[in-house]
Amino acid sequence: MNVLLVDDEPFELEQLGLFIKPLFPHWNLFTSVDGHQALALSAQIHFQLAFLDIRLPGKSGLELANELKAKDPEVKIVIITAYQDFQSAKESIKLGVVDYLTKPIIESELRESLFRIHGHTREEYSSIVELTLSAVRDRYAEKLALNDIAQQIHVNPSYLSRRFSEQVKMSFSEYVLNYRIEKAKILLVTNTDWNIFQIAEATGFASQHYFSTMFRKITGLSPRAYREMGK
């Protein structure tokens, strides 16, 4: 599933991504800081779900929702706002918005919203898988090996690998790669003074070439093209 996250606050975008990715690691997350960028992305990528901040520079979240719905009536929209505004909530309902969340976003509320939208509940991860996911979130910029994590939490590496794949629905290496790409997307848009090598290094990739190859494979765009779309 392709998911669009739109907010003019980079920290909010990062938090959304970090809340969503552990729950649905197969989802492809794309970020934008305003309506113009979001529409440019939607011209190239088919989104099934979009989280839109209601107050954006230029085009409002509701205006953006209307345009996304006009392009694809099936897209599911979640409006996010820092303001308790009855009129906006009323307009959201008219647009067919599937949920309406207020800031600061509480992880448990977002989780419930995602499960309602996706139509299923998540099995709780085992403690060893939770510890492994936590290690990835804390140390994604470093060299990460499943064997090292297994040693730290005192389990057999093969057993941990099997449990991780069963519960997360992808291998450990796939999860780490996708997590690093999500972090790189945020840095490409927010740290525009960084070059591609610096982005690759900050997100744990061994080389710029490997980073660029994997980024294109997962997103369909080169890092530079993704950054240009975010301007």
C-alpha atoms as a PDB file:
ATOM      1  CA  MET A   1       0.000   0.000   0.000  1.00  0.00           C
ATOM      2  CA  ASN A   2       1.228   3.499  -0.856  1.00  0.00           C
ATOM      3  CA  VAL A   3       0.581   6.020   1.920  1.00  0.00           C
ATOM      4  CA  LEU A   4       0.944   9.800   1.665  1.00  0.00           C
ATOM      5  CA  LEU A   5       1.878  11.831   4.773  1.00  0.00           C
ATOM      6  CA  VAL A   6       1.500  15.611   4.487  1.00  0.00           C
ATOM      7  CA  ASP A   7       2.506  18.055   7.222  1.00  0.00           C
ATOM      8  CA  ASP A   8       4.567  21.250   7.153  1.00  0.00           C
ATOM      9  CA  GLU A   9       6.292  20.233  10.401  1.00  0.00           C
ATOM     10  CA  PRO A  10       9.172  17.789   9.698  1.00  0.00           C
ATOM     11  CA  PHE A  11       9.031  16.423  13.246  1.00  0.00           C
ATOM     12  CA  GLU A  12       5.349  15.533  12.841  1.00  0.00           C
ATOM     13  CA  LEU A  13       6.115  13.744   9.572  1.00  0.00           C
ATOM     14  CA  GLU A  14       8.887  11.776  11.232  1.00  0.00           C
ATOM     15  CA  GLN A  15       6.671  10.800  14.161  1.00  0.00           C
ATOM     16  CA  LEU A  16       3.883   9.625  11.868  1.00  0.00           C
ATOM     17  CA  GLY A  17       6.274   7.486   9.883  1.00  0.00           C
ATOM     18  CA  LEU A  18       7.854   5.992  12.986  1.00  0.00           C
ATOM     19  CA  PHE A  19       4.429   5.159  14.433  1.00  0.00           C
ATOM     20  CA  ILE A  20       3.132   3.555  11.226  1.00  0.00           C
ATOM     21  CA  LYS A  21       6.125   1.597   9.910  1.00  0.00           C
ATOM     22  CA  PRO A  22       6.494  -0.929  12.770  1.00  0.00           C
ATOM     23  CA  LEU A  23       2.781  -1.761  12.500  1.00  0.00           C
ATOM     24  CA  PHE A  24       2.701  -2.074   8.714  1.00  0.00           C
ATOM     25  CA  PRO A  25       6.276  -2.560   7.492  1.00  0.00           C
ATOM     26  CA  HIS A  26       5.155  -3.440   3.951  1.00  0.00           C
ATOM     27  CA  TRP A  27       3.524  -0.044   3.422  1.00  0.00           C
ATOM     28  CA  ASN A  28       5.387   2.479   1.285  1.00  0.00           C
ATOM     29  CA  LEU A  29       5.363   5.875   3.012  1.00  0.00           C
ATOM     30  CA  PHE A  30       5.815   9.104   1.044  1.00  0.00           C
ATOM     31  CA  THR A  31       6.127  12.489   2.738  1.00  0.00           C
ATOM     32  CA  SER A  32       5.342  16.032   1.669  1.00  0.00           C
ATOM     33  CA  VAL A  33       5.399  19.410   3.426  1.00  0.00           C
ATOM     34  CA  ASP A  34       2.638  21.125   1.421  1.00  0.00           C
ATOM     35  CA  GLY A  35      -0.216  20.564  -1.007  1.00  0.00           C
ATOM     36  CA  HIS A  36       1.836  21.393  -4.092  1.00  0.00           C
ATOM     37  CA  GLN A  37       4.391  18.686  -3.322  1.00  0.00           C
ATOM     38  CA  ALA A  38       1.646  16.230  -2.427  1.00  0.00           C
ATOM     39  CA  LEU A  39      -0.155  16.703  -5.741  1.00  0.00           C
ATOM     40  CA  ALA A  40       3.131  16.327  -7.626  1.00  0.00           C
ATOM     41  CA  LEU A  41       3.673  13.000  -5.860  1.00  0.00           C
ATOM     42  CA  SER A  42       0.097  11.873  -6.534  1.00  0.00           C
ATOM     43  CA  ALA A  43       0.608  12.507 -10.252  1.00  0.00           C
ATOM     44  CA  GLN A  44       3.273   9.779 -10.266  1.00  0.00           C
ATOM     45  CA  ILE A  45       2.201   7.446  -7.457  1.00  0.00           C
ATOM     46  CA  HIS A  46      -1.185   5.864  -6.786  1.00  0.00           C
ATOM     47  CA  PHE A  47      -2.001   6.388  -3.104  1.00  0.00           C
ATOM     48  CA  GLN A  48      -4.523   4.266  -1.240  1.00  0.00           C
ATOM     49  CA  LEU A  49      -4.306   6.247   2.020  1.00  0.00           C
ATOM     50  CA  ALA A  50      -3.360   9.830   2.927  1.00  0.00           C
ATOM     51  CA  PHE A  51      -2.800  11.587   6.260  1.00  0.00           C
ATOM     52  CA  LEU A  52      -3.236  15.336   5.761  1.00  0.00           C
ATOM     53  CA  ASP A  53      -2.539  18.153   8.193  1.00  0.00           C
ATOM     54  CA  ILE A  54      -5.483  20.533   7.943  1.00  0.00           C
ATOM     55  CA  ARG A  55      -3.349  23.712   8.059  1.00  0.00           C
ATOM     56  CA  LEU A  56      -0.767  23.690   5.293  1.00  0.00           C
ATOM     57  CA  PRO A  57       1.022  26.572   3.556  1.00  0.00           C
ATOM     58  CA  GLY A  58      -0.925  27.546   0.442  1.00  0.00           C
ATOM     59  CA  LYS A  59      -3.510  24.835  -0.136  1.00  0.00           C
ATOM     60  CA  SER A  60      -5.293  23.618   3.021  1.00  0.00           C
ATOM     61  CA  GLY A  61      -5.550  19.968   3.969  1.00  0.00           C
ATOM     62  CA  LEU A  62      -9.264  19.981   3.142  1.00  0.00           C
ATOM     63  CA  GLU A  63      -8.614  21.480  -0.300  1.00  0.00           C
ATOM     64  CA  LEU A  64      -5.928  18.887  -0.887  1.00  0.00           C
ATOM     65  CA  ALA A  65      -8.278  16.118   0.253  1.00  0.00           C
ATOM     66  CA  ASN A  66     -10.891  17.344  -2.222  1.00  0.00           C
ATOM     67  CA  GLU A  67      -8.384  17.257  -5.096  1.00  0.00           C
ATOM     68  CA  LEU A  68      -7.066  13.824  -4.152  1.00  0.00           C
ATOM     69  CA  LYS A  69     -10.642  12.526  -3.967  1.00  0.00           C
ATOM     70  CA  ALA A  70     -11.420  14.060  -7.361  1.00  0.00           C
ATOM     71  CA  LYS A  71      -8.481  12.141  -8.862  1.00  0.00           C
ATOM     72  CA  ASP A  72      -9.312   8.902  -7.049  1.00  0.00           C
ATOM     73  CA  PRO A  73     -12.612   8.583  -5.152  1.00  0.00           C
ATOM     74  CA  GLU A  74     -11.327   5.389  -3.499  1.00  0.00           C
ATOM     75  CA  VAL A  75      -8.413   7.028  -1.678  1.00  0.00           C
ATOM     76  CA  LYS A  76      -8.894   7.018   2.100  1.00  0.00           C
ATOM     77  CA  ILE A  77      -8.191  10.335   3.821  1.00  0.00           C
ATOM     78  CA  VAL A  78      -7.325  10.974   7.470  1.00  0.00           C
ATOM     79  CA  ILE A  79      -7.328  14.628   8.533  1.00  0.00           C
ATOM     80  CA  ILE A  80      -4.932  15.727  11.288  1.00  0.00           C
ATOM     81  CA  THR A  81      -5.390  19.004  13.130  1.00  0.00           C
ATOM     82  CA  ALA A  82      -4.095  20.848  16.175  1.00  0.00           C
ATOM     83  CA  TYR A  83      -7.434  22.649  16.480  1.00  0.00           C
ATOM     84  CA  GLN A  84     -10.814  21.415  17.668  1.00  0.00           C
ATOM     85  CA  ASP A  85     -12.832  22.974  14.857  1.00  0.00           C
ATOM     86  CA  PHE A  86     -16.430  21.852  14.390  1.00  0.00           C
ATOM     87  CA  GLN A  87     -16.722  23.430  10.939  1.00  0.00           C
ATOM     88  CA  SER A  88     -13.612  21.635   9.687  1.00  0.00           C
ATOM     89  CA  ALA A  89     -14.868  18.355  11.113  1.00  0.00           C
ATOM     90  CA  LYS A  90     -18.178  18.919   9.342  1.00  0.00           C
ATOM     91  CA  GLU A  91     -16.430  19.616   6.023  1.00  0.00           C
ATOM     92  CA  SER A  92     -14.269  16.521   6.519  1.00  0.00           C
ATOM     93  CA  ILE A  93     -17.371  14.361   6.888  1.00  0.00           C
ATOM     94  CA  LYS A  94     -18.811  15.815   3.674  1.00  0.00           C
ATOM     95  CA  LEU A  95     -15.596  14.915   1.847  1.00  0.00           C
ATOM     96  CA  GLY A  96     -15.838  11.325   3.027  1.00  0.00           C
ATOM     97  CA  VAL A  97     -12.793  11.523   5.289  1.00  0.00           C
ATOM     98  CA  VAL A  98     -12.401   8.203   7.123  1.00  0.00           C
ATOM     99  CA  ASP A  99     -10.959   9.647  10.343  1.00  0.00           C
ATOM    100  CA  TYR A 100     -10.135  12.919  12.091  1.00  0.00           C
ATOM    101  CA  LEU A 101      -7.183  12.995  14.517  1.00  0.00           C
ATOM    102  CA  THR A 102      -6.055  15.830  16.763  1.00  0.00           C
ATOM    103  CA  LYS A 103      -2.487  16.810  17.622  1.00  0.00           C
ATOM    104  CA  PRO A 104      -0.427  15.898  19.461  1.00  0.00           C
ATOM    105  CA  ILE A 105      -1.006  12.486  17.943  1.00  0.00           C
ATOM    106  CA  ILE A 106      -1.267   9.755  20.551  1.00  0.00           C
ATOM    107  CA  GLU A 107       0.229   6.499  19.305  1.00  0.00           C
ATOM    108  CA  SER A 108      -2.602   4.344  20.668  1.00  0.00           C
ATOM    109  CA  GLU A 109      -5.234   6.496  18.912  1.00  0.00           C
ATOM    110  CA  LEU A 110      -3.335   6.362  15.632  1.00  0.00           C
ATOM    111  CA  ARG A 111      -3.005   2.587  15.989  1.00  0.00           C
ATOM    112  CA  GLU A 112      -6.750   2.204  16.511  1.00  0.00           C
ATOM    113  CA  SER A 113      -7.437   4.400  13.492  1.00  0.00           C
ATOM    114  CA  LEU A 114      -5.075   2.379  11.305  1.00  0.00           C
ATOM    115  CA  PHE A 115      -6.633  -0.901  12.367  1.00  0.00           C
ATOM    116  CA  ARG A 116     -10.136   0.419  11.645  1.00  0.00           C
ATOM    117  CA  ILE A 117      -9.035   1.604   8.215  1.00  0.00           C
ATOM    118  CA  HIS A 118      -7.124  -1.542   7.385  1.00  0.00           C
ATOM    119  CA  GLY A 119      -9.885  -3.779   8.686  1.00  0.00           C
ATOM    120  CA  HIS A 120      -7.927  -6.039  10.964  1.00  0.00           C
ATOM    121  CA  THR A 121      -6.241  -6.216  14.322  1.00  0.00           C
ATOM    122  CA  ARG A 122      -2.588  -6.837  14.881  1.00  0.00           C
ATOM    123  CA  GLU A 123      -1.187  -9.705  16.886  1.00  0.00           C
ATOM    124  CA  GLU A 124       1.167  -8.485  19.570  1.00  0.00           C
ATOM    125  CA  TYR A 125       4.821  -9.061  18.798  1.00  0.00           C
ATOM    126  CA  SER A 126       6.734 -11.343  21.121  1.00  0.00           C
ATOM    127  CA  SER A 127       9.188  -9.718  23.504  1.00  0.00           C
ATOM    128  CA  ILE A 128      12.233 -10.766  21.475  1.00  0.00           C
ATOM    129  CA  VAL A 129      10.764  -9.280  18.290  1.00  0.00           C
ATOM    130  CA  GLU A 130       9.829  -6.061  20.119  1.00  0.00           C
ATOM    131  CA  LEU A 131      13.416  -5.807  21.388  1.00  0.00           C
ATOM    132  CA  THR A 132      14.726  -6.363  17.865  1.00  0.00           C
ATOM    133  CA  LEU A 133      12.454  -3.658  16.424  1.00  0.00           C
ATOM    134  CA  SER A 134      13.569  -1.297  19.175  1.00  0.00           C
ATOM    135  CA  ALA A 135      17.219  -2.000  18.348  1.00  0.00           C
ATOM    136  CA  VAL A 136      16.588  -1.113  14.700  1.00  0.00           C
ATOM    137  CA  ARG A 137      14.869   2.161  15.626  1.00  0.00           C
ATOM    138  CA  ASP A 138      17.728   3.118  17.959  1.00  0.00           C
ATOM    139  CA  ARG A 139      20.673   1.959  15.840  1.00  0.00           C
ATOM    140  CA  TYR A 140      19.570   2.075  12.194  1.00  0.00           C
ATOM    141  CA  ALA A 141      22.479   4.425  11.360  1.00  0.00           C
ATOM    142  CA  GLU A 142      25.010   1.855  12.567  1.00  0.00           C
ATOM    143  CA  LYS A 143      26.096  -1.467  11.117  1.00  0.00           C
ATOM    144  CA  LEU A 144      23.307  -3.823  12.209  1.00  0.00           C
ATOM    145  CA  ALA A 145      23.486  -7.608  12.285  1.00  0.00           C
ATOM    146  CA  LEU A 146      20.793  -9.947  13.539  1.00  0.00           C
ATOM    147  CA  ASN A 147      23.443 -12.166  15.126  1.00  0.00           C
ATOM    148  CA  ASP A 148      24.640  -9.283  17.313  1.00  0.00           C
ATOM    149  CA  ILE A 149      21.109  -8.457  18.467  1.00  0.00           C
ATOM    150  CA  ALA A 150      20.420 -12.134  19.163  1.00  0.00           C
ATOM    151  CA  GLN A 151      23.548 -12.307  21.306  1.00  0.00           C
ATOM    152  CA  GLN A 152      22.523  -9.191  23.240  1.00  0.00           C
ATOM    153  CA  ILE A 153      19.057 -10.550  24.048  1.00  0.00           C
ATOM    154  CA  HIS A 154      20.375 -14.092  24.633  1.00  0.00           C
ATOM    155  CA  VAL A 155      18.502 -16.037  21.964  1.00  0.00           C
ATOM    156  CA  ASN A 156      19.545 -18.279  19.111  1.00  0.00           C
ATOM    157  CA  PRO A 157      19.996 -16.221  15.895  1.00  0.00           C
ATOM    158  CA  SER A 158      18.130 -18.753  13.732  1.00  0.00           C
ATOM    159  CA  TYR A 159      15.219 -18.811  16.160  1.00  0.00           C
ATOM    160  CA  LEU A 160      15.088 -14.997  16.277  1.00  0.00           C
ATOM    161  CA  SER A 161      15.241 -14.792  12.483  1.00  0.00           C
ATOM    162  CA  ARG A 162      12.349 -17.237  12.134  1.00  0.00           C
ATOM    163  CA  ARG A 163      10.177 -15.519  14.752  1.00  0.00           C
ATOM    164  CA  PHE A 164      10.885 -12.092  13.269  1.00  0.00           C
ATOM    165  CA  SER A 165       9.882 -13.194   9.760  1.00  0.00           C
ATOM    166  CA  GLU A 166       6.738 -14.929  11.038  1.00  0.00           C
ATOM    167  CA  GLN A 167       5.511 -11.923  13.012  1.00  0.00           C
ATOM    168  CA  VAL A 168       6.704  -8.931  10.975  1.00  0.00           C
ATOM    169  CA  LYS A 169       6.015 -10.656   7.628  1.00  0.00           C
ATOM    170  CA  MET A 170       9.411  -9.790   6.212  1.00  0.00           C
ATOM    171  CA  SER A 171      12.994 -10.723   6.952  1.00  0.00           C
ATOM    172  CA  PHE A 172      15.153  -8.742   9.354  1.00  0.00           C
ATOM    173  CA  SER A 173      17.316  -7.413   6.516  1.00  0.00           C
ATOM    174  CA  GLU A 174      14.235  -6.301   4.541  1.00  0.00           C
ATOM    175  CA  TYR A 175      12.851  -4.492   7.574  1.00  0.00           C
ATOM    176  CA  VAL A 176      16.140  -2.683   8.254  1.00  0.00           C
ATOM    177  CA  LEU A 177      16.400  -1.650   4.604  1.00  0.00           C
ATOM    178  CA  ASN A 178      12.849  -0.280   4.515  1.00  0.00           C
ATOM    179  CA  TYR A 179      13.296   1.532   7.827  1.00  0.00           C
ATOM    180  CA  ARG A 180      16.479   3.199   6.581  1.00  0.00           C
ATOM    181  CA  ILE A 181      14.768   4.263   3.360  1.00  0.00           C
ATOM    182  CA  GLU A 182      11.934   5.875   5.359  1.00  0.00           C
ATOM    183  CA  LYS A 183      14.466   7.833   7.414  1.00  0.00           C
ATOM    184  CA  ALA A 184      16.282   8.842   4.227  1.00  0.00           C
ATOM    185  CA  LYS A 185      13.042  10.183   2.703  1.00  0.00           C
ATOM    186  CA  ILE A 186      12.623  12.524   5.659  1.00  0.00           C
ATOM    187  CA  LEU A 187      16.243  13.724   5.502  1.00  0.00           C
ATOM    188  CA  LEU A 188      16.060  14.331   1.752  1.00  0.00           C
ATOM    189  CA  VAL A 189      13.151  16.731   2.241  1.00  0.00           C
ATOM    190  CA  THR A 190      14.178  18.356   5.518  1.00  0.00           C
ATOM    191  CA  ASN A 191      17.999  18.506   5.244  1.00  0.00           C
ATOM    192  CA  THR A 192      18.274  20.027   1.793  1.00  0.00           C
ATOM    193  CA  ASP A 193      21.849  21.196   2.426  1.00  0.00           C
ATOM    194  CA  TRP A 194      23.030  17.598   2.811  1.00  0.00           C
ATOM    195  CA  ASN A 195      24.345  15.805  -0.261  1.00  0.00           C
ATOM    196  CA  ILE A 196      23.321  12.254  -1.173  1.00  0.00           C
ATOM    197  CA  PHE A 197      26.465  10.754   0.356  1.00  0.00           C
ATOM    198  CA  GLN A 198      25.678  12.411   3.704  1.00  0.00           C
ATOM    199  CA  ILE A 199      22.097  11.115   3.597  1.00  0.00           C
ATOM    200  CA  ALA A 200      23.349   7.601   2.838  1.00  0.00           C
ATOM    201  CA  GLU A 201      25.896   7.727   5.647  1.00  0.00           C
ATOM    202  CA  ALA A 202      23.386   9.095   8.186  1.00  0.00           C
ATOM    203  CA  THR A 203      20.940   6.278   7.472  1.00  0.00           C
ATOM    204  CA  GLY A 204      23.364   3.387   7.736  1.00  0.00           C
ATOM    205  CA  PHE A 205      24.167   2.625   4.093  1.00  0.00           C
ATOM    206  CA  ALA A 206      27.671   1.423   3.296  1.00  0.00           C
ATOM    207  CA  SER A 207      27.929   3.427   0.075  1.00  0.00           C
ATOM    208  CA  GLN A 208      26.117   6.120  -1.889  1.00  0.00           C
ATOM    209  CA  HIS A 209      25.780   3.782  -4.874  1.00  0.00           C
ATOM    210  CA  TYR A 210      24.075   1.048  -2.842  1.00  0.00           C
ATOM    211  CA  PHE A 211      21.810   3.614  -1.182  1.00  0.00           C
ATOM    212  CA  SER A 212      20.747   5.106  -4.522  1.00  0.00           C
ATOM    213  CA  THR A 213      20.148   1.658  -6.023  1.00  0.00           C
ATOM    214  CA  MET A 214      17.977   0.502  -3.111  1.00  0.00           C
ATOM    215  CA  PHE A 215      16.139   3.824  -2.894  1.00  0.00           C
ATOM    216  CA  ARG A 216      15.134   3.605  -6.561  1.00  0.00           C
ATOM    217  CA  LYS A 217      14.178  -0.063  -6.214  1.00  0.00           C
ATOM    218  CA  ILE A 218      11.827   0.626  -3.290  1.00  0.00           C
ATOM    219  CA  THR A 219      10.368   4.027  -4.229  1.00  0.00           C
ATOM    220  CA  GLY A 220      10.668   4.017  -8.009  1.00  0.00           C
ATOM    221  CA  LEU A 221      12.580   7.312  -7.839  1.00  0.00           C
ATOM    222  CA  SER A 222      16.208   8.300  -7.437  1.00  0.00           C
ATOM    223  CA  PRO A 223      17.079  10.178  -4.220  1.00  0.00           C
ATOM    224  CA  ARG A 224      17.623  13.378  -6.234  1.00  0.00           C
ATOM    225  CA  ALA A 225      14.286  13.026  -8.030  1.00  0.00           C
ATOM    226  CA  TYR A 226      12.522  12.430  -4.706  1.00  0.00           C
ATOM    227  CA  ARG A 227      14.168  15.549  -3.268  1.00  0.00           C
ATOM    228  CA  GLU A 228      13.185  17.615  -6.321  1.00  0.00           C
ATOM    229  CA  MET A 229       9.563  16.538  -5.939  1.00  0.00           C
ATOM    230  CA  GLY A 230       9.714  17.697  -2.334  1.00  0.00           C
ATOM    231  CA  LYS A 231      10.687  21.263  -3.255  1.00  0.00           C
END
